[in-house]
């Protein structure tokens, strides 16, 4: 009788535990998601030393975006909702797409400063890559998505579609930038 693949979380010699994957994805989701959500709170509410809608809007206008305050609201909502969605594992592909698209714009704005800090883009690239990776892999089993029937079994196609949506949305926003 052929052996059947094990789907339990008990590790086999040489095989990692599914609990280890779920724990790692949870840690990544919480840190990345809450970090991005805090950036959104800076934009919308001026929390954590942020500029609020007015100050962030001025920054967007200086960066070549029209309607700076509207762009501040869009970016702030994308970061808060996308970040909290990632942290909770709620609609993870769409949350990842929101964060990814927003961070692609951040990379475009900061691009002239090189890759490394203090004016580089490595921080934004890391956040964007993490968001895209979570959209592609799914949130793991310790997530709200597990209770949503259509997302219970994450599919790579969901992640690819979401990252594509984030990239296209980011590109459209960049097209309106001077």
Protein backbone atom coordinates (compact mmCIF):
# COMPACT_ATOMS: atom_id res chain seq x y z
CA UNK A 1 0.00 0.00 0.00
CA UNK A 2 1.56 3.37 -1.02
CA UNK A 3 2.26 5.91 1.65
CA UNK A 4 -0.06 8.89 1.76
CA UNK A 5 1.24 12.39 2.36
CA UNK A 6 0.91 13.62 5.92
CA UNK A 7 -1.12 16.75 6.48
CA UNK A 8 -0.69 16.98 10.22
CA UNK A 9 1.55 19.44 11.93
CA UNK A 10 3.80 16.79 13.47
CA UNK A 11 7.25 17.03 11.90
CA UNK A 12 8.89 14.14 10.17
CA UNK A 13 12.66 13.84 10.10
CA UNK A 14 13.87 16.35 7.53
CA UNK A 15 10.43 17.96 7.13
CA UNK A 16 9.52 21.23 8.81
CA UNK A 17 6.46 21.50 10.99
CA UNK A 18 3.38 23.22 9.56
CA UNK A 19 3.12 24.99 12.92
CA UNK A 20 6.54 26.49 12.25
CA UNK A 21 5.30 27.86 8.92
CA UNK A 22 2.13 29.21 10.50
CA UNK A 23 4.07 30.82 13.35
CA UNK A 24 6.56 32.41 10.96
CA UNK A 25 3.81 33.76 8.71
CA UNK A 26 1.96 35.12 11.75
CA UNK A 27 5.07 36.94 12.97
CA UNK A 28 5.73 38.39 9.50
CA UNK A 29 2.08 39.46 9.10
CA UNK A 30 1.95 41.14 12.51
CA UNK A 31 5.21 43.07 12.21
CA UNK A 32 4.78 44.10 8.58
CA UNK A 33 1.06 44.79 8.85
CA UNK A 34 1.19 46.83 12.04
CA UNK A 35 4.22 48.79 10.81
CA UNK A 36 2.41 49.75 7.61
CA UNK A 37 -0.82 50.51 9.48
CA UNK A 38 1.12 52.86 11.78
CA UNK A 39 2.44 54.68 8.70
CA UNK A 40 -1.15 55.07 7.51
CA UNK A 41 -2.12 56.51 10.91
CA UNK A 42 0.68 59.06 10.50
CA UNK A 43 -0.81 60.14 7.18
CA UNK A 44 -4.46 60.24 8.23
CA UNK A 45 -4.38 61.27 11.88
CA UNK A 46 -0.93 62.76 12.46
CA UNK A 47 -0.20 60.04 15.02
CA UNK A 48 3.35 58.91 15.78
CA UNK A 49 4.80 62.24 14.61
CA UNK A 50 3.10 62.14 11.22
CA UNK A 51 1.92 65.08 9.18
CA UNK A 52 -1.78 64.23 9.12
CA UNK A 53 -3.79 64.75 5.97
CA UNK A 54 -2.69 68.36 5.48
CA UNK A 55 1.04 67.81 5.99
CA UNK A 56 1.07 64.57 4.04
CA UNK A 57 -0.95 66.24 1.27
CA UNK A 58 1.69 68.95 0.99
CA UNK A 59 4.37 66.27 0.71
CA UNK A 60 2.41 64.52 -2.05
CA UNK A 61 2.03 67.76 -3.99
CA UNK A 62 5.77 68.50 -3.64
CA UNK A 63 6.39 64.96 -4.92
CA UNK A 64 4.41 65.66 -8.10
CA UNK A 65 1.00 64.19 -7.26
CA UNK A 66 -2.13 66.22 -8.00
CA UNK A 67 -4.71 66.72 -5.23
CA UNK A 68 -2.24 66.07 -2.44
CA UNK A 69 -4.79 65.74 0.34
CA UNK A 70 -6.89 63.25 -1.64
CA UNK A 71 -3.74 61.24 -2.35
CA UNK A 72 -2.85 61.38 1.36
CA UNK A 73 -6.25 59.92 2.23
CA UNK A 74 -5.91 57.18 -0.40
CA UNK A 75 -2.40 56.27 0.72
CA UNK A 76 -3.34 56.43 4.40
CA UNK A 77 -6.41 54.23 3.96
CA UNK A 78 -4.45 51.77 1.81
CA UNK A 79 -1.80 51.50 4.50
CA UNK A 80 -4.18 51.25 7.45
CA UNK A 81 -6.65 48.83 5.86
CA UNK A 82 -3.97 46.83 4.04
CA UNK A 83 -1.73 46.71 7.10
CA UNK A 84 -4.51 45.65 9.46
CA UNK A 85 -5.72 43.12 6.88
CA UNK A 86 -2.24 41.59 6.76
CA UNK A 87 -1.90 41.58 10.55
CA UNK A 88 -5.26 39.82 10.96
CA UNK A 89 -4.83 37.58 7.94
CA UNK A 90 -8.08 39.03 6.57
CA UNK A 91 -8.51 39.06 2.80
CA UNK A 92 -4.77 38.59 2.70
CA UNK A 93 -4.25 38.73 -1.07
CA UNK A 94 -6.10 42.06 -1.32
CA UNK A 95 -4.43 43.44 1.80
CA UNK A 96 -1.05 42.50 0.34
CA UNK A 97 -2.00 44.15 -2.96
CA UNK A 98 -2.96 47.41 -1.19
CA UNK A 99 0.33 47.54 0.68
CA UNK A 100 2.36 46.47 -2.35
CA UNK A 101 0.82 49.13 -4.62
CA UNK A 102 1.31 51.88 -2.06
CA UNK A 103 4.94 50.91 -1.50
CA UNK A 104 5.67 50.79 -5.24
CA UNK A 105 4.69 54.46 -5.31
CA UNK A 106 6.89 55.16 -2.28
CA UNK A 107 9.84 53.54 -4.05
CA UNK A 108 9.19 55.66 -7.16
CA UNK A 109 9.14 58.86 -5.08
CA UNK A 110 12.38 58.04 -3.24
CA UNK A 111 14.21 56.36 -6.13
CA UNK A 112 16.77 59.12 -6.72
CA UNK A 113 18.35 58.59 -3.29
CA UNK A 114 19.93 55.25 -4.12
CA UNK A 115 19.24 51.93 -2.44
CA UNK A 116 20.68 52.36 1.06
CA UNK A 117 19.64 54.60 3.97
CA UNK A 118 19.38 57.35 4.87
CA UNK A 119 17.76 58.40 1.56
CA UNK A 120 17.53 55.00 -0.09
CA UNK A 121 14.62 52.73 -0.83
CA UNK A 122 15.66 49.48 0.86
CA UNK A 123 13.03 49.85 3.61
CA UNK A 124 10.22 50.41 1.11
CA UNK A 125 11.45 47.58 -1.12
CA UNK A 126 11.52 45.22 1.87
CA UNK A 127 7.95 46.14 2.90
CA UNK A 128 6.69 45.82 -0.69
CA UNK A 129 8.38 42.43 -1.13
CA UNK A 130 6.99 41.20 2.18
CA UNK A 131 3.47 42.27 1.24
CA UNK A 132 3.76 40.60 -2.17
CA UNK A 133 5.15 37.44 -0.59
CA UNK A 134 2.24 37.26 1.85
CA UNK A 135 -0.23 37.80 -1.00
CA UNK A 136 1.40 34.91 -2.88
CA UNK A 137 1.82 32.46 0.02
CA UNK A 138 -1.32 33.26 1.95
CA UNK A 139 -1.57 34.02 5.65
CA UNK A 140 -1.06 30.56 7.11
CA UNK A 141 -3.58 28.79 9.32
CA UNK A 142 -3.53 31.32 12.17
CA UNK A 143 -5.62 33.87 10.27
CA UNK A 144 -9.16 35.14 9.81
CA UNK A 145 -9.05 33.94 6.17
CA UNK A 146 -9.20 30.40 7.49
CA UNK A 147 -12.83 31.04 8.44
CA UNK A 148 -13.80 32.45 5.02
CA UNK A 149 -14.92 29.54 2.82
CA UNK A 150 -13.67 31.00 -0.46
CA UNK A 151 -10.24 31.81 0.99
CA UNK A 152 -9.84 28.85 3.35
CA UNK A 153 -7.64 27.08 0.84
CA UNK A 154 -5.34 29.82 -0.43
CA UNK A 155 -4.48 29.50 -4.09
CA UNK A 156 -1.42 30.90 -5.80
CA UNK A 157 -3.73 32.35 -8.46
CA UNK A 158 -5.32 34.62 -5.82
CA UNK A 159 -1.91 35.96 -4.89
CA UNK A 160 -0.77 36.44 -8.48
CA UNK A 161 -4.00 38.25 -9.34
CA UNK A 162 -3.70 40.45 -6.25
CA UNK A 163 -0.05 41.39 -6.85
CA UNK A 164 -0.89 42.14 -10.48
CA UNK A 165 -3.79 44.34 -9.31
CA UNK A 166 -1.47 46.16 -6.90
CA UNK A 167 1.14 46.71 -9.62
CA UNK A 168 -1.40 47.96 -12.17
CA UNK A 169 -3.00 50.28 -9.61
CA UNK A 170 0.41 51.63 -8.62
CA UNK A 171 1.27 52.19 -12.28
CA UNK A 172 -1.95 54.10 -12.88
CA UNK A 173 -1.30 56.34 -9.88
CA UNK A 174 2.26 56.94 -11.07
CA UNK A 175 0.92 57.98 -14.48
CA UNK A 176 -0.91 60.94 -12.92
CA UNK A 177 2.25 62.05 -11.09
CA UNK A 178 4.16 64.90 -12.73
